């Protein structure tokens, strides 16, 4: 499973990028995106996804629909 950042809600604060243990988050045009091939939702590293934990915007980072 992977997560995605909702572009319309992302403020570009960059809080999420350094928290990702898989370096799956990158900046593109002042917004942040998650590479679904690298994202593991922090399984094996943390109990909860770290990007979600630090994001100041509720519901900005959600599971990627299959």
Protein backbone atom coordinates (compact mmCIF):
# COMPACT_ATOMS: atom_id res chain seq x y z
CA UNK A 1 0.00 0.00 0.00
CA UNK A 2 1.09 3.55 -0.58
CA UNK A 3 0.01 7.03 0.42
CA UNK A 4 -0.69 10.11 -1.68
CA UNK A 5 -0.64 13.82 -0.93
CA UNK A 6 -3.79 15.69 -1.94
CA UNK A 7 -2.38 18.55 -4.01
CA UNK A 8 -5.29 20.90 -3.33
CA UNK A 9 -4.68 20.61 0.41
CA UNK A 10 -0.86 20.61 0.46
CA UNK A 11 0.55 23.91 1.72
CA UNK A 12 4.11 23.08 0.65
CA UNK A 13 5.36 23.35 4.22
CA UNK A 14 7.90 20.50 3.68
CA UNK A 15 7.35 18.95 7.13
CA UNK A 16 6.77 15.52 5.61
CA UNK A 17 9.80 15.19 3.35
CA UNK A 18 12.57 14.71 5.97
CA UNK A 19 10.39 12.35 8.03
CA UNK A 20 10.08 9.67 5.33
CA UNK A 21 12.41 6.75 6.10
CA UNK A 22 12.22 5.59 2.47
CA UNK A 23 12.90 8.98 0.84
CA UNK A 24 9.61 8.54 -1.05
CA UNK A 25 8.57 12.19 -0.74
CA UNK A 26 9.89 14.87 -3.07
CA UNK A 27 9.07 18.42 -4.04
CA UNK A 28 7.61 19.27 -7.43
CA UNK A 29 6.54 22.83 -8.26
CA UNK A 30 6.34 23.87 -4.57
CA UNK A 31 4.12 20.89 -3.70
CA UNK A 32 5.11 17.50 -2.41
CA UNK A 33 4.47 14.12 -3.98
CA UNK A 34 4.90 10.54 -2.78
CA UNK A 35 6.54 7.94 -5.02
CA UNK A 36 4.22 4.93 -4.69
CA UNK A 37 7.07 2.56 -5.57
CA UNK A 38 9.04 3.70 -2.49
CA UNK A 39 6.23 4.32 0.01
CA UNK A 40 5.60 1.55 2.56
CA UNK A 41 3.41 3.63 4.90
CA UNK A 42 6.37 3.27 7.29
CA UNK A 43 5.60 -0.41 7.92
CA UNK A 44 8.56 -2.02 9.63
CA UNK A 45 9.93 1.35 10.74
CA UNK A 46 7.11 3.03 12.69
CA UNK A 47 3.63 2.23 13.98
CA UNK A 48 2.08 5.07 11.94
CA UNK A 49 3.11 6.84 8.73
CA UNK A 50 5.44 9.63 9.77
CA UNK A 51 4.34 12.01 7.02
CA UNK A 52 0.77 11.83 8.30
CA UNK A 53 1.94 12.35 11.88
CA UNK A 54 3.76 15.62 11.08
CA UNK A 55 1.44 17.06 8.43
CA UNK A 56 -0.31 20.17 9.77
CA UNK A 57 -3.28 19.72 7.39
CA UNK A 58 -5.93 17.14 8.26
CA UNK A 59 -6.68 14.60 5.53
CA UNK A 60 -3.93 15.93 3.25
CA UNK A 61 -2.17 12.55 3.08
CA UNK A 62 -4.40 9.56 2.32
CA UNK A 63 -4.06 5.96 1.15
CA UNK A 64 -3.59 5.59 -2.58
CA UNK A 65 -6.69 4.01 -4.14
CA UNK A 66 -5.95 0.63 -5.67
